[in-house]
Amino acid sequence: MRVIILLYLLFFSNSLFSQKIFSVDYKSQADINVFVTDYRSQADLLVFKLDYLSEVKGNQGLWHFVNYKSQADKKIYFVEYKSQADLNIFFVEYKSQAGWKNKSKKQFLF
């Protein structure tokens, strides 16, 4: 029973804070390859950039870019072409617009 509770807490806490993002310089350093689309209709995820780490919650497209790789839960590399990407994103202007459009890609940010 304790093992089940411990596993649940580990999984739950990881999903709560999985939106601390660090942008790496090399593709080989990344957990995920990301392409920024020109139109929101082309995106798998609509992303809003948060100013404060305390605002990060869940896997909802609310990203806070951290200054150091060691602080990040996910390291991303911005690719040049859509065909190179694991995930297509579009940056939105308002927090309320953030969210998943293609939920099958959610696995990349867990």
C-alpha atoms as a PDB file:
ATOM      1  CA  MET A   1       0.000   0.000   0.000  1.00  0.00           C
ATOM      2  CA  ARG A   2       2.836   2.415   0.861  1.00  0.00           C
ATOM      3  CA  VAL A   3       4.493   1.717  -2.475  1.00  0.00           C
ATOM      4  CA  ILE A   4       1.301   2.583  -4.346  1.00  0.00           C
ATOM      5  CA  ILE A   5       0.927   5.837  -2.432  1.00  0.00           C
ATOM      6  CA  LEU A   6       4.588   6.707  -3.007  1.00  0.00           C
ATOM      7  CA  LEU A   7       4.307   6.018  -6.750  1.00  0.00           C
ATOM      8  CA  TYR A   8       1.141   8.105  -6.958  1.00  0.00           C
ATOM      9  CA  LEU A   9       2.809  11.031  -5.186  1.00  0.00           C
ATOM     10  CA  LEU A  10       5.862  10.845  -7.431  1.00  0.00           C
ATOM     11  CA  PHE A  11       3.743  10.787 -10.583  1.00  0.00           C
ATOM     12  CA  PHE A  12       1.389  13.499  -9.352  1.00  0.00           C
ATOM     13  CA  SER A  13       4.154  15.867  -8.244  1.00  0.00           C
ATOM     14  CA  ASN A  14       5.950  15.461 -11.597  1.00  0.00           C
ATOM     15  CA  SER A  15       2.815  16.346 -13.536  1.00  0.00           C
ATOM     16  CA  LEU A  16       2.220  19.393 -11.337  1.00  0.00           C
ATOM     17  CA  PHE A  17       5.576  20.900 -12.125  1.00  0.00           C
ATOM     18  CA  SER A  18       6.283  19.609 -15.613  1.00  0.00           C
ATOM     19  CA  GLN A  19       6.068  23.033 -17.202  1.00  0.00           C
ATOM     20  CA  LYS A  20       9.427  24.443 -16.147  1.00  0.00           C
ATOM     21  CA  ILE A  21      11.125  24.732 -19.522  1.00  0.00           C
ATOM     22  CA  PHE A  22      14.707  25.342 -20.585  1.00  0.00           C
ATOM     23  CA  SER A  23      15.618  26.035 -24.198  1.00  0.00           C
ATOM     24  CA  VAL A  24      18.839  24.228 -25.162  1.00  0.00           C
ATOM     25  CA  ASP A  25      21.266  25.190 -27.923  1.00  0.00           C
ATOM     26  CA  TYR A  26      21.703  21.716 -29.386  1.00  0.00           C
ATOM     27  CA  LYS A  27      19.162  19.142 -30.512  1.00  0.00           C
ATOM     28  CA  SER A  28      21.091  16.358 -28.786  1.00  0.00           C
ATOM     29  CA  GLN A  29      20.517  18.025 -25.384  1.00  0.00           C
ATOM     30  CA  ALA A  30      16.742  18.211 -25.725  1.00  0.00           C
ATOM     31  CA  ASP A  31      13.977  16.059 -24.330  1.00  0.00           C
ATOM     32  CA  ILE A  32      11.577  17.421 -26.958  1.00  0.00           C
ATOM     33  CA  ASN A  33      11.958  19.048 -30.370  1.00  0.00           C
ATOM     34  CA  VAL A  34       9.514  21.933 -30.725  1.00  0.00           C
ATOM     35  CA  PHE A  35       8.337  23.894 -33.743  1.00  0.00           C
ATOM     36  CA  VAL A  36       6.577  27.246 -33.366  1.00  0.00           C
ATOM     37  CA  THR A  37       3.743  27.478 -35.886  1.00  0.00           C
ATOM     38  CA  ASP A  38       2.556  30.646 -37.597  1.00  0.00           C
ATOM     39  CA  TYR A  39      -1.103  29.843 -36.937  1.00  0.00           C
ATOM     40  CA  ARG A  40      -2.845  28.512 -33.861  1.00  0.00           C
ATOM     41  CA  SER A  41      -4.795  26.038 -36.023  1.00  0.00           C
ATOM     42  CA  GLN A  42      -1.513  24.231 -36.847  1.00  0.00           C
ATOM     43  CA  ALA A  43      -0.480  23.753 -33.209  1.00  0.00           C
ATOM     44  CA  ASP A  44      -0.735  20.734 -30.936  1.00  0.00           C
ATOM     45  CA  LEU A  45      -0.411  22.984 -27.902  1.00  0.00           C
ATOM     46  CA  LEU A  46      -1.243  26.629 -27.305  1.00  0.00           C
ATOM     47  CA  VAL A  47       1.404  28.012 -24.936  1.00  0.00           C
ATOM     48  CA  PHE A  48       1.335  31.030 -22.670  1.00  0.00           C
ATOM     49  CA  LYS A  49       4.655  32.235 -21.202  1.00  0.00           C
ATOM     50  CA  LEU A  50       4.410  32.779 -17.466  1.00  0.00           C
ATOM     51  CA  ASP A  51       6.424  35.475 -15.732  1.00  0.00           C
ATOM     52  CA  TYR A  52       6.559  33.745 -12.355  1.00  0.00           C
ATOM     53  CA  LEU A  53       7.428  30.183 -11.397  1.00  0.00           C
ATOM     54  CA  SER A  54       4.711  30.209  -8.745  1.00  0.00           C
ATOM     55  CA  GLU A  55       2.083  30.338 -11.518  1.00  0.00           C
ATOM     56  CA  VAL A  56       3.146  26.990 -12.997  1.00  0.00           C
ATOM     57  CA  LYS A  57       0.512  24.300 -12.607  1.00  0.00           C
ATOM     58  CA  GLY A  58      -0.143  21.121 -14.462  1.00  0.00           C
ATOM     59  CA  ASN A  59       0.310  20.198 -18.074  1.00  0.00           C
ATOM     60  CA  GLN A  60      -1.908  22.937 -19.500  1.00  0.00           C
ATOM     61  CA  GLY A  61       0.377  24.925 -21.781  1.00  0.00           C
ATOM     62  CA  LEU A  62       1.469  27.375 -19.105  1.00  0.00           C
ATOM     63  CA  TRP A  63       5.246  27.501 -19.471  1.00  0.00           C
ATOM     64  CA  HIS A  64       7.836  29.229 -17.366  1.00  0.00           C
ATOM     65  CA  PHE A  65      11.264  29.432 -18.986  1.00  0.00           C
ATOM     66  CA  VAL A  66      13.962  28.905 -16.359  1.00  0.00           C
ATOM     67  CA  ASN A  67      17.488  30.297 -16.550  1.00  0.00           C
ATOM     68  CA  TYR A  68      19.350  27.082 -15.816  1.00  0.00           C
ATOM     69  CA  LYS A  69      19.093  23.600 -17.281  1.00  0.00           C
ATOM     70  CA  SER A  70      19.165  22.061 -13.801  1.00  0.00           C
ATOM     71  CA  GLN A  71      15.946  23.893 -12.857  1.00  0.00           C
ATOM     72  CA  ALA A  72      13.970  22.541 -15.796  1.00  0.00           C
ATOM     73  CA  ASP A  73      11.690  19.555 -15.924  1.00  0.00           C
ATOM     74  CA  LYS A  74      11.825  19.570 -19.718  1.00  0.00           C
ATOM     75  CA  LYS A  75      14.555  20.731 -22.056  1.00  0.00           C
ATOM     76  CA  ILE A  76      13.366  21.790 -25.491  1.00  0.00           C
ATOM     77  CA  TYR A  77      15.055  22.547 -28.764  1.00  0.00           C
ATOM     78  CA  PHE A  78      13.364  24.840 -31.265  1.00  0.00           C
ATOM     79  CA  VAL A  79      13.635  23.226 -34.704  1.00  0.00           C
ATOM     80  CA  GLU A  80      13.547  25.041 -38.019  1.00  0.00           C
ATOM     81  CA  TYR A  81      11.050  22.804 -39.799  1.00  0.00           C
ATOM     82  CA  LYS A  82       7.716  21.341 -38.736  1.00  0.00           C
ATOM     83  CA  SER A  83       8.748  17.881 -39.955  1.00  0.00           C
ATOM     84  CA  GLN A  84      11.579  17.814 -37.382  1.00  0.00           C
ATOM     85  CA  ALA A  85       9.293  18.468 -34.414  1.00  0.00           C
ATOM     86  CA  ASP A  86       7.832  16.190 -31.777  1.00  0.00           C
ATOM     87  CA  LEU A  87       5.470  18.962 -30.759  1.00  0.00           C
ATOM     88  CA  ASN A  88       4.034  21.972 -32.614  1.00  0.00           C
ATOM     89  CA  ILE A  89       3.218  24.978 -30.466  1.00  0.00           C
ATOM     90  CA  PHE A  90       1.751  28.433 -30.883  1.00  0.00           C
ATOM     91  CA  PHE A  91       2.372  31.208 -28.341  1.00  0.00           C
ATOM     92  CA  VAL A  92      -0.853  32.889 -27.249  1.00  0.00           C
ATOM     93  CA  GLU A  93      -1.341  36.346 -25.763  1.00  0.00           C
ATOM     94  CA  TYR A  94      -3.602  35.407 -22.871  1.00  0.00           C
ATOM     95  CA  LYS A  95      -3.329  32.773 -20.163  1.00  0.00           C
ATOM     96  CA  SER A  96      -6.925  31.678 -20.718  1.00  0.00           C
ATOM     97  CA  GLN A  97      -6.123  30.697 -24.327  1.00  0.00           C
ATOM     98  CA  ALA A  98      -3.483  28.112 -23.361  1.00  0.00           C
ATOM     99  CA  GLY A  99      -4.217  24.414 -23.667  1.00  0.00           C
ATOM    100  CA  TRP A 100      -3.974  21.223 -25.652  1.00  0.00           C
ATOM    101  CA  LYS A 101      -5.464  20.911 -29.109  1.00  0.00           C
ATOM    102  CA  ASN A 102      -3.936  17.483 -29.785  1.00  0.00           C
ATOM    103  CA  LYS A 103      -4.113  15.550 -26.516  1.00  0.00           C
ATOM    104  CA  SER A 104      -2.252  12.574 -27.982  1.00  0.00           C
ATOM    105  CA  LYS A 105       0.935  14.667 -27.745  1.00  0.00           C
ATOM    106  CA  LYS A 106       0.489  15.323 -24.000  1.00  0.00           C
ATOM    107  CA  GLN A 107       2.887  12.479 -23.252  1.00  0.00           C
ATOM    108  CA  PHE A 108       5.859  14.599 -24.323  1.00  0.00           C
ATOM    109  CA  LEU A 109       5.450  16.911 -21.333  1.00  0.00           C
ATOM    110  CA  PHE A 110       4.928  14.329 -18.581  1.00  0.00           C
END
